[in-house]
Amino acid sequence: MSTESRYPKEQPLHAAHIEDALLKLPTVQALTGLGKTSIYQLIKAGELKPVKLGARCTRFRAGDVQAWLQAKASA
């Protein structure tokens, strides 16, 4: 069995409704409408906090992304 079939690349967007879910970067991009560079700029500015699971594994807590979206919507 190949690695690709065991670990699907796409993450369902409904995972964003689970507050403690750890979202992949492409999912955060789809939710926010931002590109990878813009998201990394938000991290650098301290507006989004990533969860580092390893040297090459970064996720974002769904609750943090939703809170950021709410803050932007009310601004």
Protein backbone atom coordinates (compact mmCIF):
# COMPACT_ATOMS: atom_id res chain seq x y z
CA MET A 1 0.00 0.00 0.00
CA SER A 2 1.41 3.37 -0.96
CA THR A 3 1.84 6.20 1.51
CA GLU A 4 -0.46 8.41 -0.55
CA SER A 5 -3.45 6.10 -0.11
CA ARG A 6 -2.86 5.79 3.63
CA TYR A 7 -2.49 9.50 4.29
CA PRO A 8 -4.83 11.62 2.19
CA LYS A 9 -3.46 15.09 1.34
CA GLU A 10 -6.76 16.92 1.52
CA GLN A 11 -8.25 17.76 4.89
CA PRO A 12 -12.03 18.18 5.04
CA LEU A 13 -13.08 21.78 5.68
CA HIS A 14 -15.61 20.67 8.30
CA ALA A 15 -12.60 19.96 10.56
CA ALA A 16 -12.51 23.73 11.12
CA HIS A 17 -15.70 23.43 13.19
CA ILE A 18 -13.89 21.33 15.79
CA GLU A 19 -12.21 23.89 18.04
CA ASP A 20 -9.21 21.75 18.99
CA ALA A 21 -8.68 20.29 15.52
CA LEU A 22 -5.21 20.79 14.10
CA LEU A 23 -5.52 22.22 10.62
CA LYS A 24 -3.03 21.90 7.79
CA LEU A 25 -1.80 25.00 5.98
CA PRO A 26 -3.89 24.36 2.83
CA THR A 27 -7.02 24.14 5.00
CA VAL A 28 -6.17 27.46 6.68
CA GLN A 29 -5.59 28.94 3.23
CA ALA A 30 -9.02 27.74 2.08
CA LEU A 31 -10.72 29.12 5.21
CA THR A 32 -9.04 32.52 5.17
CA GLY A 33 -8.61 33.07 1.44
CA LEU A 34 -4.96 33.95 2.09
CA GLY A 35 -1.85 32.55 0.47
CA LYS A 36 1.00 30.77 2.19
CA THR A 37 3.21 33.88 2.33
CA SER A 38 0.44 35.98 3.90
CA ILE A 39 -0.17 33.33 6.55
CA TYR A 40 3.54 33.20 7.36
CA GLN A 41 3.51 37.00 7.69
CA LEU A 42 0.63 36.69 10.19
CA ILE A 43 2.69 34.18 12.16
CA LYS A 44 5.68 36.55 12.18
CA ALA A 45 3.43 39.41 13.33
CA GLY A 46 2.05 37.24 16.15
CA GLU A 47 -1.51 37.24 14.82
CA LEU A 48 -1.63 33.49 14.23
CA LYS A 49 0.13 30.95 16.41
CA PRO A 50 1.21 27.70 14.78
CA VAL A 51 1.52 24.37 16.59
CA LYS A 52 4.86 22.76 15.77
CA LEU A 53 4.56 18.97 15.80
CA GLY A 54 8.02 18.36 14.40
CA ALA A 55 10.77 19.88 12.32
CA ARG A 56 8.62 19.81 9.17
CA CYS A 57 5.13 19.52 10.60
CA THR A 58 3.15 22.66 11.43
CA ARG A 59 -0.56 22.83 12.19
CA PHE A 60 -2.98 25.52 13.31
CA ARG A 61 -5.63 25.15 16.01
CA ALA A 62 -9.03 25.59 14.40
CA GLY A 63 -10.24 27.73 17.32
CA ASP A 64 -7.34 30.15 16.79
CA VAL A 65 -8.10 30.47 13.08
CA GLN A 66 -11.81 31.01 13.78
CA ALA A 67 -10.99 33.65 16.43
CA TRP A 68 -8.71 35.46 13.95
CA LEU A 69 -11.46 35.41 11.32
CA GLN A 70 -14.01 36.75 13.83
CA ALA A 71 -11.64 39.55 14.87
CA LYS A 72 -11.13 40.55 11.23
CA ALA A 73 -14.87 40.43 10.53
CA SER A 74 -15.67 42.74 13.46
CA ALA A 75 -12.85 45.21 12.72
